[in-house]
N, C-alpha and C. Protein backbone atom coordinates (compact mmCIF):
# COMPACT_ATOMS: atom_id res chain seq x y z
N ASP A 1 0.87 -1.17 0.04
CA ASP A 1 -0.01 -0.02 0.04
C ASP A 1 0.88 1.22 -0.02
N PRO A 2 0.85 2.09 -1.02
CA PRO A 2 1.66 3.26 -1.07
C PRO A 2 1.49 4.23 0.03
N GLU A 3 0.32 4.21 0.71
CA GLU A 3 0.05 5.08 1.75
C GLU A 3 0.93 4.78 2.99
N MET A 4 1.31 3.50 3.09
CA MET A 4 2.12 3.10 4.27
C MET A 4 3.44 3.88 4.25
N SER A 5 4.07 3.98 3.09
CA SER A 5 5.38 4.67 3.03
C SER A 5 5.16 6.16 3.22
N ARG A 6 3.98 6.62 3.04
CA ARG A 6 3.70 8.08 3.24
C ARG A 6 3.75 8.33 4.75
N PHE A 7 3.24 7.48 5.57
CA PHE A 7 3.19 7.66 7.04
C PHE A 7 4.25 7.03 7.84
N MET A 8 4.92 6.03 7.22
CA MET A 8 5.92 5.23 7.91
C MET A 8 7.16 5.29 7.03
N GLN A 9 8.07 6.25 7.18
CA GLN A 9 9.18 6.52 6.25
C GLN A 9 10.13 5.24 6.10
N TYR A 10 10.05 4.41 7.06
CA TYR A 10 10.99 3.21 6.99
C TYR A 10 10.42 2.07 6.10
N VAL A 11 9.20 2.29 5.61
CA VAL A 11 8.58 1.33 4.73
C VAL A 11 8.78 1.76 3.30
N PRO A 12 9.65 1.06 2.51
CA PRO A 12 9.80 1.56 1.13
C PRO A 12 8.61 1.25 0.20
N HIS A 13 8.57 2.01 -0.81
CA HIS A 13 7.54 1.74 -1.94
C HIS A 13 8.25 1.99 -3.17
N PRO A 14 8.23 0.96 -4.08
CA PRO A 14 7.62 -0.28 -3.98
C PRO A 14 8.36 -1.17 -2.84
N TYR A 15 7.61 -2.15 -2.40
CA TYR A 15 8.11 -3.02 -1.35
C TYR A 15 8.56 -4.34 -2.02
N ALA A 16 9.87 -4.62 -2.00
CA ALA A 16 10.41 -5.70 -2.76
C ALA A 16 10.60 -6.89 -1.87
N ARG A 17 10.89 -8.08 -2.42
CA ARG A 17 11.19 -9.32 -1.61
C ARG A 17 12.23 -9.10 -0.62
N ALA A 18 13.32 -8.35 -1.03
CA ALA A 18 14.41 -8.05 -0.07
C ALA A 18 13.91 -7.26 1.11
N ASP A 19 13.00 -6.39 0.94
CA ASP A 19 12.48 -5.58 2.04
C ASP A 19 11.75 -6.52 2.94
N ALA A 20 10.93 -7.42 2.45
CA ALA A 20 10.18 -8.41 3.28
C ALA A 20 11.17 -9.28 4.09
N LEU A 21 12.18 -9.79 3.43
CA LEU A 21 13.17 -10.62 4.13
C LEU A 21 13.85 -9.80 5.24
N GLY A 22 14.22 -8.55 5.03
CA GLY A 22 14.83 -7.64 5.95
C GLY A 22 13.86 -7.47 7.16
N PHE A 23 12.57 -7.33 6.92
CA PHE A 23 11.54 -7.12 7.98
C PHE A 23 11.54 -8.36 8.82
N LEU A 24 11.50 -9.53 8.21
CA LEU A 24 11.42 -10.83 8.94
C LEU A 24 12.68 -10.97 9.81
N ASP A 25 13.80 -10.55 9.33
CA ASP A 25 15.06 -10.61 10.08
C ASP A 25 14.99 -9.69 11.32
N PHE A 26 14.39 -8.47 11.06
CA PHE A 26 14.12 -7.48 12.19
C PHE A 26 13.23 -8.13 13.27
N LEU A 27 12.17 -8.78 12.83
CA LEU A 27 11.24 -9.42 13.75
C LEU A 27 11.99 -10.51 14.59
N GLU A 28 12.78 -11.27 13.90
CA GLU A 28 13.47 -12.36 14.59
C GLU A 28 14.51 -11.78 15.64
N LYS A 29 15.16 -10.67 15.28
CA LYS A 29 16.13 -10.06 16.22
C LYS A 29 15.41 -9.31 17.32
N GLY A 30 14.13 -8.94 17.09
CA GLY A 30 13.37 -8.18 18.12
C GLY A 30 13.33 -8.82 19.46
N ALA A 31 13.41 -10.12 19.51
CA ALA A 31 13.39 -10.84 20.75
C ALA A 31 14.62 -10.60 21.67
N GLU A 32 15.70 -10.07 20.93
CA GLU A 32 16.94 -9.69 21.63
C GLU A 32 16.88 -8.43 22.36
N TYR A 33 15.86 -7.57 22.07
CA TYR A 33 15.78 -6.25 22.58
C TYR A 33 14.68 -6.17 23.73
N PRO A 34 15.18 -6.04 24.97
CA PRO A 34 14.18 -5.89 26.10
C PRO A 34 13.43 -4.62 25.87
N GLY A 35 12.18 -4.65 26.25
CA GLY A 35 11.36 -3.42 26.20
C GLY A 35 10.76 -3.19 24.82
N HIS A 36 10.78 -4.23 24.00
CA HIS A 36 10.21 -4.10 22.64
C HIS A 36 9.41 -5.46 22.36
N LEU A 37 8.27 -5.26 21.77
CA LEU A 37 7.43 -6.43 21.39
C LEU A 37 6.72 -6.10 20.07
N GLU A 38 6.75 -7.07 19.15
CA GLU A 38 5.98 -6.96 17.88
C GLU A 38 5.00 -8.15 17.82
N LEU A 39 3.83 -7.85 17.53
CA LEU A 39 2.72 -8.91 17.45
C LEU A 39 1.98 -8.79 16.20
N GLY A 40 1.65 -9.89 15.52
CA GLY A 40 0.85 -9.87 14.36
C GLY A 40 -0.59 -9.75 14.59
N ILE A 41 -1.35 -9.09 13.65
CA ILE A 41 -2.75 -9.01 13.84
C ILE A 41 -3.37 -9.90 12.73
N HIS A 42 -4.25 -10.78 13.18
CA HIS A 42 -4.94 -11.69 12.35
C HIS A 42 -6.46 -11.57 12.66
N ALA A 43 -7.29 -12.01 11.73
CA ALA A 43 -8.72 -12.06 12.04
C ALA A 43 -8.96 -13.16 13.10
N ARG A 44 -10.00 -13.04 13.83
CA ARG A 44 -10.35 -14.12 14.73
C ARG A 44 -10.48 -15.38 13.99
N GLY A 45 -9.92 -16.45 14.53
CA GLY A 45 -9.91 -17.77 13.92
C GLY A 45 -8.65 -18.01 12.99
N GLY A 46 -7.78 -17.03 12.87
CA GLY A 46 -6.63 -17.13 12.12
C GLY A 46 -6.67 -16.54 10.75
N GLY A 47 -5.84 -16.99 9.83
CA GLY A 47 -5.80 -16.43 8.49
C GLY A 47 -4.50 -15.67 8.33
N PRO A 48 -4.47 -14.90 7.17
CA PRO A 48 -3.25 -14.25 6.82
C PRO A 48 -2.91 -13.06 7.73
N LEU A 49 -1.71 -12.61 7.74
CA LEU A 49 -1.28 -11.45 8.55
C LEU A 49 -2.04 -10.23 7.98
N LEU A 50 -2.73 -9.46 8.83
CA LEU A 50 -3.48 -8.32 8.45
C LEU A 50 -2.84 -7.01 8.88
N GLY A 51 -1.91 -7.08 9.73
CA GLY A 51 -1.20 -5.94 10.30
C GLY A 51 -0.30 -6.33 11.47
N MET A 52 0.22 -5.32 12.14
CA MET A 52 1.07 -5.52 13.28
C MET A 52 0.82 -4.47 14.33
N VAL A 53 1.04 -4.80 15.63
CA VAL A 53 1.05 -3.85 16.65
C VAL A 53 2.35 -4.02 17.37
N SER A 54 3.01 -2.89 17.70
CA SER A 54 4.26 -2.97 18.42
C SER A 54 4.22 -2.16 19.68
N LEU A 55 4.96 -2.61 20.61
CA LEU A 55 5.15 -1.92 21.89
C LEU A 55 6.67 -1.67 22.03
N GLU A 56 7.02 -0.35 22.26
CA GLU A 56 8.38 -0.01 22.43
C GLU A 56 8.56 0.79 23.71
N ASP A 57 9.75 0.79 24.21
CA ASP A 57 10.09 1.50 25.48
C ASP A 57 9.09 1.02 26.57
N ILE A 58 8.89 -0.34 26.67
CA ILE A 58 7.99 -0.79 27.67
C ILE A 58 8.60 -0.55 29.05
N ASP A 59 7.78 -0.02 29.90
CA ASP A 59 8.18 0.38 31.29
C ASP A 59 7.14 -0.34 32.16
N ARG A 60 7.45 -1.55 32.62
CA ARG A 60 6.43 -2.28 33.41
C ARG A 60 6.09 -1.62 34.73
N GLU A 61 7.05 -0.98 35.36
CA GLU A 61 6.82 -0.32 36.67
C GLU A 61 5.81 0.88 36.48
N ALA A 62 5.99 1.63 35.37
CA ALA A 62 5.10 2.78 35.15
C ALA A 62 3.79 2.33 34.42
N GLY A 63 3.81 1.02 33.90
CA GLY A 63 2.65 0.58 33.20
C GLY A 63 2.47 1.38 31.86
N SER A 64 3.60 1.62 31.14
CA SER A 64 3.46 2.44 29.94
C SER A 64 4.34 1.79 28.81
N ALA A 65 4.01 2.20 27.61
CA ALA A 65 4.82 1.79 26.45
C ALA A 65 4.37 2.72 25.25
N GLU A 66 5.24 2.84 24.28
CA GLU A 66 4.81 3.51 23.09
C GLU A 66 4.22 2.45 22.13
N VAL A 67 3.06 2.77 21.57
CA VAL A 67 2.32 1.87 20.76
C VAL A 67 2.32 2.39 19.36
N GLY A 68 2.54 1.45 18.49
CA GLY A 68 2.48 1.70 17.00
C GLY A 68 1.68 0.50 16.36
N TYR A 69 1.11 0.84 15.25
CA TYR A 69 0.45 -0.23 14.50
C TYR A 69 0.23 0.07 13.07
N TRP A 70 0.01 -0.95 12.31
CA TRP A 70 -0.40 -0.74 10.84
C TRP A 70 -1.31 -1.91 10.47
N LEU A 71 -2.17 -1.60 9.50
CA LEU A 71 -3.14 -2.61 8.94
C LEU A 71 -3.09 -2.56 7.46
N ALA A 72 -3.27 -3.67 6.87
CA ALA A 72 -3.42 -3.74 5.39
C ALA A 72 -4.79 -3.03 5.06
N ARG A 73 -4.72 -2.37 3.91
CA ARG A 73 -5.93 -1.62 3.51
C ARG A 73 -7.27 -2.36 3.62
N GLU A 74 -7.23 -3.65 3.24
CA GLU A 74 -8.44 -4.49 3.32
C GLU A 74 -8.84 -4.81 4.70
N ALA A 75 -8.08 -4.58 5.67
CA ALA A 75 -8.42 -4.91 7.03
C ALA A 75 -8.86 -3.63 7.81
N GLN A 76 -8.72 -2.50 7.25
CA GLN A 76 -9.07 -1.25 7.89
C GLN A 76 -10.56 -1.05 8.09
N GLY A 77 -10.93 -0.38 9.11
CA GLY A 77 -12.35 -0.07 9.37
C GLY A 77 -13.16 -1.17 10.05
N ARG A 78 -12.44 -2.20 10.50
CA ARG A 78 -13.13 -3.35 11.19
C ARG A 78 -12.86 -3.41 12.70
N GLY A 79 -12.11 -2.38 13.21
CA GLY A 79 -11.83 -2.38 14.61
C GLY A 79 -10.67 -3.32 15.06
N LEU A 80 -9.98 -3.80 14.12
CA LEU A 80 -8.89 -4.81 14.39
C LEU A 80 -7.70 -4.13 15.13
N ALA A 81 -7.33 -2.91 14.74
CA ALA A 81 -6.22 -2.24 15.32
C ALA A 81 -6.60 -1.92 16.83
N ARG A 82 -7.84 -1.37 17.01
CA ARG A 82 -8.24 -1.00 18.36
C ARG A 82 -8.24 -2.28 19.27
N GLU A 83 -8.81 -3.37 18.77
CA GLU A 83 -8.85 -4.62 19.54
C GLU A 83 -7.36 -5.06 19.89
N ALA A 84 -6.54 -5.03 18.90
CA ALA A 84 -5.15 -5.46 19.06
C ALA A 84 -4.40 -4.60 20.18
N VAL A 85 -4.59 -3.29 20.07
CA VAL A 85 -4.00 -2.38 21.02
C VAL A 85 -4.52 -2.64 22.41
N GLU A 86 -5.78 -2.83 22.52
CA GLU A 86 -6.50 -3.11 23.86
C GLU A 86 -5.90 -4.31 24.44
C-alpha cells in the first residue's frame, strides 16, 4: 500500500522481496531487545497477516509503552487495530 510509506518512512515503496526478508530478520532479532514487542494482527480464527502492533520503550513499573500499529488496506475499518492495542 503506497500510503504506508507516506506515514511510515521506513517502509519503502515499492516493497520488494528483499524488504520483506529484511523485515522478517528484524522481527527475529526483536526478541533480543528488552522493552520491545511486535505482534501480528490476524482475524479471529486465524488467517493471513493483516497488520502488526508494536510496543516499544516498555516500562512495566510505570505501566506504559509507546504503541504503534499498521493494517493492510483491506483490514481497515473493522476495529482490528483497536482490539489489538487493547
